[in-house]
Amino acid sequence: MALRENERRILAEIEDQLSADDPALAEVLSSFDVDDYVAPDEAAEAWKPWAVCGAIALVVVGLLVALFVAVPGADAQQESAPAARPVGGTQTVSP
């Protein structure tokens, strides 16, 4: 929500008065206007979306490998197929 011109003027007057009364505090408060500083310790503990995406990708690849290893392929189906009957042979049927 944007400030009105009157509110901006009042805040500027307060800032000028603060700078005159306590320059050290004004300097500390002015540092809030710059980009947030992230300490190296905090940066190491920060959430890393690329690491989460990598972990999900590894899980998906692992599941696909397990699926292809567990499901018999075409080679296994050919080995278990019944033997073909000889062509031109006779078959004896008992009464």
PDB file of N, CA and C in Angstrom:
ATOM      1  N   MET A   1       0.846  -1.166   0.000  1.00  0.00           N
ATOM      2  CA  MET A   1       0.000   0.000   0.000  1.00  0.00           C
ATOM      3  C   MET A   1       0.895   1.233   0.000  1.00  0.00           C
ATOM      4  N   ALA A   2       0.713   2.091  -0.955  1.00  0.00           N
ATOM      5  CA  ALA A   2       1.539   3.282  -1.107  1.00  0.00           C
ATOM      6  C   ALA A   2       1.150   4.337  -0.077  1.00  0.00           C
ATOM      7  N   LEU A   3       2.167   5.095   0.318  1.00  0.00           N
ATOM      8  CA  LEU A   3       1.931   6.172   1.277  1.00  0.00           C
ATOM      9  C   LEU A   3       1.489   7.431   0.545  1.00  0.00           C
ATOM     10  N   ARG A   4       0.689   8.227   1.224  1.00  0.00           N
ATOM     11  CA  ARG A   4       0.281   9.511   0.663  1.00  0.00           C
ATOM     12  C   ARG A   4       1.434  10.498   0.802  1.00  0.00           C
ATOM     13  N   GLU A   5       1.336  11.585   0.062  1.00  0.00           N
ATOM     14  CA  GLU A   5       2.398  12.604   0.076  1.00  0.00           C
ATOM     15  C   GLU A   5       2.595  13.168   1.482  1.00  0.00           C
ATOM     16  N   ASN A   6       1.520  13.393   2.193  1.00  0.00           N
ATOM     17  CA  ASN A   6       1.609  13.934   3.553  1.00  0.00           C
ATOM     18  C   ASN A   6       2.339  12.956   4.477  1.00  0.00           C
ATOM     19  N   GLU A   7       2.044  11.667   4.351  1.00  0.00           N
ATOM     20  CA  GLU A   7       2.700  10.655   5.187  1.00  0.00           C
ATOM     21  C   GLU A   7       4.186  10.561   4.859  1.00  0.00           C
ATOM     22  N   ARG A   8       4.527  10.660   3.587  1.00  0.00           N
ATOM     23  CA  ARG A   8       5.943  10.631   3.196  1.00  0.00           C
ATOM     24  C   ARG A   8       6.695  11.822   3.779  1.00  0.00           C
ATOM     25  N   ARG A   9       6.075  12.987   3.749  1.00  0.00           N
ATOM     26  CA  ARG A   9       6.706  14.195   4.292  1.00  0.00           C
ATOM     27  C   ARG A   9       6.939  14.051   5.787  1.00  0.00           C
ATOM     28  N   ILE A  10       5.949  13.521   6.500  1.00  0.00           N
ATOM     29  CA  ILE A  10       6.083  13.333   7.948  1.00  0.00           C
ATOM     30  C   ILE A  10       7.191  12.331   8.255  1.00  0.00           C
ATOM     31  N   LEU A  11       7.251  11.236   7.518  1.00  0.00           N
ATOM     32  CA  LEU A  11       8.311  10.245   7.732  1.00  0.00           C
ATOM     33  C   LEU A  11       9.688  10.828   7.428  1.00  0.00           C
ATOM     34  N   ALA A  12       9.797  11.650   6.414  1.00  0.00           N
ATOM     35  CA  ALA A  12      11.080  12.289   6.095  1.00  0.00           C
ATOM     36  C   ALA A  12      11.511  13.224   7.220  1.00  0.00           C
ATOM     37  N   GLU A  13      10.555  13.964   7.797  1.00  0.00           N
ATOM     38  CA  GLU A  13      10.883  14.847   8.926  1.00  0.00           C
ATOM     39  C   GLU A  13      11.350  14.030  10.129  1.00  0.00           C
ATOM     40  N   ILE A  14      10.688  12.917  10.405  1.00  0.00           N
ATOM     41  CA  ILE A  14      11.088  12.054  11.526  1.00  0.00           C
ATOM     42  C   ILE A  14      12.484  11.502  11.277  1.00  0.00           C
ATOM     43  N   GLU A  15      12.760  11.103  10.049  1.00  0.00           N
ATOM     44  CA  GLU A  15      14.080  10.563   9.715  1.00  0.00           C
ATOM     45  C   GLU A  15      15.165  11.626   9.881  1.00  0.00           C
ATOM     46  N   ASP A  16      14.890  12.840   9.443  1.00  0.00           N
ATOM     47  CA  ASP A  16      15.867  13.927   9.597  1.00  0.00           C
ATOM     48  C   ASP A  16      16.117  14.231  11.068  1.00  0.00           C
ATOM     49  N   GLN A  17      15.053  14.265  11.862  1.00  0.00           N
ATOM     50  CA  GLN A  17      15.196  14.534  13.301  1.00  0.00           C
ATOM     51  C   GLN A  17      15.993  13.421  13.981  1.00  0.00           C
ATOM     52  N   LEU A  18      15.740  12.168  13.604  1.00  0.00           N
ATOM     53  CA  LEU A  18      16.468  11.034  14.174  1.00  0.00           C
ATOM     54  C   LEU A  18      17.945  11.105  13.809  1.00  0.00           C
ATOM     55  N   SER A  19      18.238  11.462  12.573  1.00  0.00           N
ATOM     56  CA  SER A  19      19.634  11.576  12.146  1.00  0.00           C
ATOM     57  C   SER A  19      20.363  12.649  12.935  1.00  0.00           C
ATOM     58  N   ALA A  20      19.670  13.716  13.263  1.00  0.00           N
ATOM     59  CA  ALA A  20      20.289  14.790  14.042  1.00  0.00           C
ATOM     60  C   ALA A  20      20.475  14.378  15.498  1.00  0.00           C
ATOM     61  N   ASP A  21      19.511  13.666  16.076  1.00  0.00           N
ATOM     62  CA  ASP A  21      19.578  13.284  17.487  1.00  0.00           C
ATOM     63  C   ASP A  21      20.560  12.144  17.744  1.00  0.00           C
ATOM     64  N   ASP A  22      20.519  11.104  16.941  1.00  0.00           N
ATOM     65  CA  ASP A  22      21.355   9.912  17.178  1.00  0.00           C
ATOM     66  C   ASP A  22      21.873   9.383  15.837  1.00  0.00           C
ATOM     67  N   PRO A  23      23.023   9.873  15.396  1.00  0.00           N
ATOM     68  CA  PRO A  23      23.548   9.458  14.088  1.00  0.00           C
ATOM     69  C   PRO A  23      23.881   7.966  14.014  1.00  0.00           C
ATOM     70  N   ALA A  24      24.327   7.379  15.124  1.00  0.00           N
ATOM     71  CA  ALA A  24      24.680   5.948  15.109  1.00  0.00           C
ATOM     72  C   ALA A  24      23.434   5.091  14.873  1.00  0.00           C
ATOM     73  N   LEU A  25      22.353   5.409  15.565  1.00  0.00           N
ATOM     74  CA  LEU A  25      21.107   4.667  15.377  1.00  0.00           C
ATOM     75  C   LEU A  25      20.555   4.893  13.968  1.00  0.00           C
ATOM     76  N   ALA A  26      20.662   6.106  13.474  1.00  0.00           N
ATOM     77  CA  ALA A  26      20.193   6.397  12.119  1.00  0.00           C
ATOM     78  C   ALA A  26      20.977   5.593  11.088  1.00  0.00           C
ATOM     79  N   GLU A  27      22.276   5.416  11.320  1.00  0.00           N
ATOM     80  CA  GLU A  27      23.085   4.614  10.394  1.00  0.00           C
ATOM     81  C   GLU A  27      22.660   3.153  10.413  1.00  0.00           C
ATOM     82  N   VAL A  28      22.386   2.622  11.612  1.00  0.00           N
ATOM     83  CA  VAL A  28      21.933   1.232  11.718  1.00  0.00           C
ATOM     84  C   VAL A  28      20.579   1.062  11.035  1.00  0.00           C
ATOM     85  N   LEU A  29      19.679   1.996  11.263  1.00  0.00           N
ATOM     86  CA  LEU A  29      18.350   1.900  10.658  1.00  0.00           C
ATOM     87  C   LEU A  29      18.405   2.090   9.146  1.00  0.00           C
ATOM     88  N   SER A  30      19.336   2.881   8.655  1.00  0.00           N
ATOM     89  CA  SER A  30      19.440   3.071   7.206  1.00  0.00           C
ATOM     90  C   SER A  30      19.952   1.818   6.512  1.00  0.00           C
ATOM     91  N   SER A  31      20.609   0.942   7.274  1.00  0.00           N
ATOM     92  CA  SER A  31      21.096  -0.300   6.670  1.00  0.00           C
ATOM     93  C   SER A  31      19.943  -1.241   6.318  1.00  0.00           C
ATOM     94  N   PHE A  32      18.758  -0.993   6.853  1.00  0.00           N
ATOM     95  CA  PHE A  32      17.603  -1.821   6.517  1.00  0.00           C
ATOM     96  C   PHE A  32      17.119  -1.560   5.091  1.00  0.00           C
ATOM     97  N   ASP A  33      17.527  -0.451   4.506  1.00  0.00           N
ATOM     98  CA  ASP A  33      17.112  -0.136   3.144  1.00  0.00           C
ATOM     99  C   ASP A  33      17.864  -0.947   2.095  1.00  0.00           C
ATOM    100  N   VAL A  34      19.049  -1.425   2.432  1.00  0.00           N
ATOM    101  CA  VAL A  34      19.837  -2.202   1.472  1.00  0.00           C
ATOM    102  C   VAL A  34      19.347  -3.639   1.471  1.00  0.00           C
ATOM    103  N   ASP A  35      19.798  -4.413   0.464  1.00  0.00           N
ATOM    104  CA  ASP A  35      19.403  -5.819   0.379  1.00  0.00           C
ATOM    105  C   ASP A  35      19.803  -6.556   1.646  1.00  0.00           C
ATOM    106  N   ASP A  36      18.999  -7.538   1.982  1.00  0.00           N
ATOM    107  CA  ASP A  36      19.266  -8.312   3.188  1.00  0.00           C
ATOM    108  C   ASP A  36      20.586  -9.046   3.067  1.00  0.00           C
ATOM    109  N   TYR A  37      21.369  -8.954   4.107  1.00  0.00           N
ATOM    110  CA  TYR A  37      22.644  -9.667   4.163  1.00  0.00           C
ATOM    111  C   TYR A  37      22.383 -11.053   4.734  1.00  0.00           C
ATOM    112  N   VAL A  38      22.907 -12.067   4.070  1.00  0.00           N
ATOM    113  CA  VAL A  38      22.757 -13.439   4.535  1.00  0.00           C
ATOM    114  C   VAL A  38      24.125 -13.921   4.986  1.00  0.00           C
ATOM    115  N   ALA A  39      24.216 -14.278   6.254  1.00  0.00           N
ATOM    116  CA  ALA A  39      25.478 -14.778   6.791  1.00  0.00           C
ATOM    117  C   ALA A  39      25.828 -16.103   6.126  1.00  0.00           C
ATOM    118  N   PRO A  40      27.124 -16.418   6.002  1.00  0.00           N
ATOM    119  CA  PRO A  40      27.514 -17.687   5.370  1.00  0.00           C
ATOM    120  C   PRO A  40      26.931 -18.910   6.076  1.00  0.00           C
ATOM    121  N   ASP A  41      26.825 -18.853   7.405  1.00  0.00           N
ATOM    122  CA  ASP A  41      26.248 -19.987   8.137  1.00  0.00           C
ATOM    123  C   ASP A  41      24.777 -20.172   7.782  1.00  0.00           C
ATOM    124  N   GLU A  42      24.053 -19.067   7.659  1.00  0.00           N
ATOM    125  CA  GLU A  42      22.640 -19.150   7.309  1.00  0.00           C
ATOM    126  C   GLU A  42      22.454 -19.598   5.862  1.00  0.00           C
ATOM    127  N   ALA A  43      23.360 -19.192   4.994  1.00  0.00           N
ATOM    128  CA  ALA A  43      23.253 -19.572   3.586  1.00  0.00           C
ATOM    129  C   ALA A  43      23.438 -21.077   3.417  1.00  0.00           C
ATOM    130  N   ALA A  44      24.279 -21.683   4.235  1.00  0.00           N
ATOM    131  CA  ALA A  44      24.501 -23.124   4.144  1.00  0.00           C
ATOM    132  C   ALA A  44      23.268 -23.899   4.605  1.00  0.00           C
ATOM    133  N   GLU A  45      22.516 -23.312   5.524  1.00  0.00           N
ATOM    134  CA  GLU A  45      21.339 -23.987   6.065  1.00  0.00           C
ATOM    135  C   GLU A  45      20.065 -23.648   5.284  1.00  0.00           C
ATOM    136  N   ALA A  46      20.167 -22.779   4.304  1.00  0.00           N
ATOM    137  CA  ALA A  46      18.984 -22.345   3.558  1.00  0.00           C
ATOM    138  C   ALA A  46      18.421 -23.494   2.729  1.00  0.00           C
ATOM    139  N   TRP A  47      17.144 -23.414   2.451  1.00  0.00           N
ATOM    140  CA  TRP A  47      16.456 -24.430   1.656  1.00  0.00           C
ATOM    141  C   TRP A  47      16.952 -24.333   0.229  1.00  0.00           C
ATOM    142  N   LYS A  48      17.309 -25.457  -0.348  1.00  0.00           N
ATOM    143  CA  LYS A  48      17.853 -25.493  -1.698  1.00  0.00           C
ATOM    144  C   LYS A  48      16.890 -26.258  -2.605  1.00  0.00           C
ATOM    145  N   PRO A  49      16.128 -25.560  -3.431  1.00  0.00           N
ATOM    146  CA  PRO A  49      15.164 -26.254  -4.293  1.00  0.00           C
ATOM    147  C   PRO A  49      15.832 -27.178  -5.298  1.00  0.00           C
ATOM    148  N   TRP A  50      17.041 -26.860  -5.754  1.00  0.00           N
ATOM    149  CA  TRP A  50      17.712 -27.730  -6.722  1.00  0.00           C
ATOM    150  C   TRP A  50      18.072 -29.060  -6.086  1.00  0.00           C
ATOM    151  N   ALA A  51      18.376 -29.065  -4.790  1.00  0.00           N
ATOM    152  CA  ALA A  51      18.696 -30.327  -4.115  1.00  0.00           C
ATOM    153  C   ALA A  51      17.444 -31.195  -3.983  1.00  0.00           C
ATOM    154  N   VAL A  52      16.318 -30.580  -3.710  1.00  0.00           N
ATOM    155  CA  VAL A  52      15.063 -31.329  -3.603  1.00  0.00           C
ATOM    156  C   VAL A  52      14.685 -31.915  -4.963  1.00  0.00           C
ATOM    157  N   CYS A  53      14.826 -31.127  -6.020  1.00  0.00           N
ATOM    158  CA  CYS A  53      14.522 -31.632  -7.372  1.00  0.00           C
ATOM    159  C   CYS A  53      15.459 -32.771  -7.745  1.00  0.00           C
ATOM    160  N   GLY A  54      16.728 -32.661  -7.376  1.00  0.00           N
ATOM    161  CA  GLY A  54      17.680 -33.732  -7.654  1.00  0.00           C
ATOM    162  C   GLY A  54      17.323 -35.009  -6.920  1.00  0.00           C
ATOM    163  N   ALA A  55      16.904 -34.877  -5.663  1.00  0.00           N
ATOM    164  CA  ALA A  55      16.524 -36.054  -4.888  1.00  0.00           C
ATOM    165  C   ALA A  55      15.286 -36.727  -5.490  1.00  0.00           C
ATOM    166  N   ILE A  56      14.327 -35.935  -5.917  1.00  0.00           N
ATOM    167  CA  ILE A  56      13.127 -36.498  -6.540  1.00  0.00           C
ATOM    168  C   ILE A  56      13.493 -37.209  -7.839  1.00  0.00           C
ATOM    169  N   ALA A  57      14.381 -36.609  -8.627  1.00  0.00           N
ATOM    170  CA  ALA A  57      14.805 -37.236  -9.883  1.00  0.00           C
ATOM    171  C   ALA A  57      15.507 -38.565  -9.617  1.00  0.00           C
ATOM    172  N   LEU A  58      16.344 -38.620  -8.587  1.00  0.00           N
ATOM    173  CA  LEU A  58      17.024 -39.871  -8.252  1.00  0.00           C
ATOM    174  C   LEU A  58      16.033 -40.955  -7.840  1.00  0.00           C
ATOM    175  N   VAL A  59      15.025 -40.585  -7.084  1.00  0.00           N
ATOM    176  CA  VAL A  59      14.016 -41.559  -6.662  1.00  0.00           C
ATOM    177  C   VAL A  59      13.252 -42.085  -7.875  1.00  0.00           C
ATOM    178  N   VAL A  60      12.883 -41.201  -8.788  1.00  0.00           N
ATOM    179  CA  VAL A  60      12.146 -41.627  -9.985  1.00  0.00           C
ATOM    180  C   VAL A  60      13.000 -42.556 -10.836  1.00  0.00           C
ATOM    181  N   VAL A  61      14.268 -42.212 -11.038  1.00  0.00           N
ATOM    182  CA  VAL A  61      15.158 -43.070 -11.827  1.00  0.00           C
ATOM    183  C   VAL A  61      15.331 -44.420 -11.139  1.00  0.00           C
ATOM    184  N   GLY A  62      15.481 -44.422  -9.826  1.00  0.00           N
ATOM    185  CA  GLY A  62      15.609 -45.682  -9.092  1.00  0.00           C
ATOM    186  C   GLY A  62      14.380 -46.557  -9.228  1.00  0.00           C
ATOM    187  N   LEU A  63      13.210 -45.955  -9.161  1.00  0.00           N
ATOM    188  CA  LEU A  63      11.974 -46.728  -9.320  1.00  0.00           C
ATOM    189  C   LEU A  63      11.844 -47.285 -10.734  1.00  0.00           C
ATOM    190  N   LEU A  64      12.238 -46.511 -11.736  1.00  0.00           N
ATOM    191  CA  LEU A  64      12.186 -47.012 -13.111  1.00  0.00           C
ATOM    192  C   LEU A  64      13.144 -48.173 -13.321  1.00  0.00           C
ATOM    193  N   VAL A  65      14.334 -48.077 -12.771  1.00  0.00           N
ATOM    194  CA  VAL A  65      15.298 -49.177 -12.890  1.00  0.00           C
ATOM    195  C   VAL A  65      14.758 -50.416 -12.197  1.00  0.00           C
ATOM    196  N   ALA A  66      14.196 -50.253 -11.006  1.00  0.00           N
ATOM    197  CA  ALA A  66      13.628 -51.392 -10.288  1.00  0.00           C
ATOM    198  C   ALA A  66      12.467 -52.005 -11.069  1.00  0.00           C
ATOM    199  N   LEU A  67      11.671 -51.183 -11.723  1.00  0.00           N
ATOM    200  CA  LEU A  67      10.549 -51.683 -12.517  1.00  0.00           C
ATOM    201  C   LEU A  67      11.039 -52.506 -13.699  1.00  0.00           C
ATOM    202  N   PHE A  68      12.035 -52.024 -14.408  1.00  0.00           N
ATOM    203  CA  PHE A  68      12.544 -52.755 -15.566  1.00  0.00           C
ATOM    204  C   PHE A  68      13.277 -54.024 -15.167  1.00  0.00           C
ATOM    205  N   VAL A  69      13.884 -54.042 -14.002  1.00  0.00           N
ATOM    206  CA  VAL A  69      14.582 -55.247 -13.548  1.00  0.00           C
ATOM    207  C   VAL A  69      13.577 -56.276 -13.041  1.00  0.00           C
ATOM    208  N   ALA A  70      12.531 -55.847 -12.372  1.00  0.00           N
ATOM    209  CA  ALA A  70      11.571 -56.762 -11.765  1.00  0.00           C
ATOM    210  C   ALA A  70      10.612 -57.369 -12.789  1.00  0.00           C
ATOM    211  N   VAL A  71      10.241 -56.639 -13.818  1.00  0.00           N
ATOM    212  CA  VAL A  71       9.286 -57.126 -14.816  1.00  0.00           C
ATOM    213  C   VAL A  71      10.053 -57.928 -15.855  1.00  0.00           C
ATOM    214  N   PRO A  72       9.613 -59.167 -16.124  1.00  0.00           N
ATOM    215  CA  PRO A  72      10.323 -59.961 -17.132  1.00  0.00           C
ATOM    216  C   PRO A  72      10.160 -59.335 -18.511  1.00  0.00           C
ATOM    217  N   GLY A  73      11.224 -59.383 -19.274  1.00  0.00           N
ATOM    218  CA  GLY A  73      11.208 -58.805 -20.613  1.00  0.00           C
ATOM    219  C   GLY A  73      10.788 -59.825 -21.648  1.00  0.00           C
ATOM    220  N   ALA A  74      10.973 -59.526 -22.918  1.00  0.00           N
ATOM    221  CA  ALA A  74      10.603 -60.415 -24.020  1.00  0.00           C
ATOM    222  C   ALA A  74      11.469 -61.666 -24.024  1.00  0.00           C
ATOM    223  N   ASP A  75      12.713 -61.573 -23.601  1.00  0.00           N
ATOM    224  CA  ASP A  75      13.597 -62.741 -23.581  1.00  0.00           C
ATOM    225  C   ASP A  75      13.084 -63.809 -22.621  1.00  0.00           C
ATOM    226  N   ALA A  76      12.596 -63.416 -21.479  1.00  0.00           N
ATOM    227  CA  ALA A  76      12.103 -64.384 -20.499  1.00  0.00           C
ATOM    228  C   ALA A  76      10.826 -65.054 -20.999  1.00  0.00           C
ATOM    229  N   GLN A  77      10.006 -64.343 -21.739  1.00  0.00           N
ATOM    230  CA  GLN A  77       8.773 -64.928 -22.261  1.00  0.00           C
ATOM    231  C   GLN A  77       9.072 -65.941 -23.353  1.00  0.00           C
ATOM    232  N   GLN A  78      10.096 -65.724 -24.135  1.00  0.00           N
ATOM    233  CA  GLN A  78      10.444 -66.671 -25.195  1.00  0.00           C
ATOM    234  C   GLN A  78      10.970 -67.973 -24.612  1.00  0.00           C
ATOM    235  N   GLU A  79      11.688 -67.900 -23.519  1.00  0.00           N
ATOM    236  CA  GLU A  79      12.248 -69.103 -22.908  1.00  0.00           C
ATOM    237  C   GLU A  79      11.157 -69.980 -22.300  1.00  0.00           C
ATOM    238  N   SER A  80      10.112 -69.385 -21.787  1.00  0.00           N
ATOM    239  CA  SER A  80       9.069 -70.163 -21.126  1.00  0.00           C
ATOM    240  C   SER A  80       7.965 -70.609 -22.089  1.00  0.00           C
ATOM    241  N   ALA A  81       8.068 -70.280 -23.364  1.00  0.00           N
ATOM    242  CA  ALA A  81       7.047 -70.678 -24.336  1.00  0.00           C
ATOM    243  C   ALA A  81       7.112 -72.190 -24.549  1.00  0.00           C
ATOM    244  N   PRO A  82       5.956 -72.851 -24.772  1.00  0.00           N
ATOM    245  CA  PRO A  82       5.965 -74.303 -24.994  1.00  0.00           C
ATOM    246  C   PRO A  82       6.688 -74.642 -26.299  1.00  0.00           C
ATOM    247  N   ALA A  83       7.248 -75.838 -26.319  1.00  0.00           N
ATOM    248  CA  ALA A  83       7.983 -76.289 -27.507  1.00  0.00           C
ATOM    249  C   ALA A  83       7.015 -76.506 -28.656  1.00  0.00           C
ATOM    250  N   ALA A  84       7.434 -76.178 -29.848  1.00  0.00           N
ATOM    251  CA  ALA A  84       6.586 -76.336 -31.029  1.00  0.00           C
ATOM    252  C   ALA A  84       6.552 -77.804 -31.441  1.00  0.00           C
ATOM    253  N   ARG A  85       5.416 -78.247 -31.962  1.00  0.00           N
ATOM    254  CA  ARG A  85       5.286 -79.631 -32.427  1.00  0.00           C
ATOM    255  C   ARG A  85       5.996 -79.774 -33.766  1.00  0.00           C
ATOM    256  N   PRO A  86       6.531 -80.907 -34.026  1.00  0.00           N
ATOM    257  CA  PRO A  86       7.196 -81.097 -35.316  1.00  0.00           C
ATOM    258  C   PRO A  86       6.184 -81.048 -36.454  1.00  0.00           C
ATOM    259  N   VAL A  87       6.583 -80.473 -37.535  1.00  0.00           N
ATOM    260  CA  VAL A  87       5.708 -80.335 -38.700  1.00  0.00           C
ATOM    261  C   VAL A  87       5.635 -81.673 -39.436  1.00  0.00           C
ATOM    262  N   GLY A  88       4.447 -82.077 -39.831  1.00  0.00           N
ATOM    263  CA  GLY A  88       4.261 -83.311 -40.597  1.00  0.00           C
ATOM    264  C   GLY A  88       4.217 -84.561 -39.740  1.00  0.00           C
ATOM    265  N   GLY A  89       4.271 -84.444 -38.463  1.00  0.00           N
ATOM    266  CA  GLY A  89       4.229 -85.622 -37.597  1.00  0.00           C
ATOM    267  C   GLY A  89       2.810 -86.088 -37.377  1.00  0.00           C
ATOM    268  N   THR A  90       2.653 -87.270 -36.866  1.00  0.00           N
ATOM    269  CA  THR A  90       1.325 -87.804 -36.586  1.00  0.00           C
ATOM    270  C   THR A  90       1.102 -87.798 -35.092  1.00  0.00           C
ATOM    271  N   GLN A  91      -0.152 -87.741 -34.752  1.00  0.00           N
ATOM    272  CA  GLN A  91      -0.510 -87.718 -33.350  1.00  0.00           C
ATOM    273  C   GLN A  91      -1.417 -88.899 -33.071  1.00  0.00           C
ATOM    274  N   THR A  92      -1.115 -89.635 -32.034  1.00  0.00           N
ATOM    275  CA  THR A  92      -1.912 -90.800 -31.678  1.00  0.00           C
ATOM    276  C   THR A  92      -2.911 -90.390 -30.616  1.00  0.00           C
ATOM    277  N   VAL A  93      -4.178 -90.737 -30.872  1.00  0.00           N
ATOM    278  CA  VAL A  93      -5.235 -90.414 -29.930  1.00  0.00           C
ATOM    279  C   VAL A  93      -5.783 -91.726 -29.409  1.00  0.00           C
ATOM    280  N   SER A  94      -5.843 -91.909 -28.137  1.00  0.00           N
ATOM    281  CA  SER A  94      -6.374 -93.154 -27.576  1.00  0.00           C
ATOM    282  C   SER A  94      -7.883 -93.049 -27.438  1.00  0.00           C
ATOM    283  N   PRO A  95      -8.594 -94.212 -27.643  1.00  0.00           N
ATOM    284  CA  PRO A  95     -10.062 -94.207 -27.594  1.00  0.00           C
ATOM    285  C   PRO A  95     -10.600 -94.095 -26.217  1.00  0.00           C
TER     286      PRO A  95
END
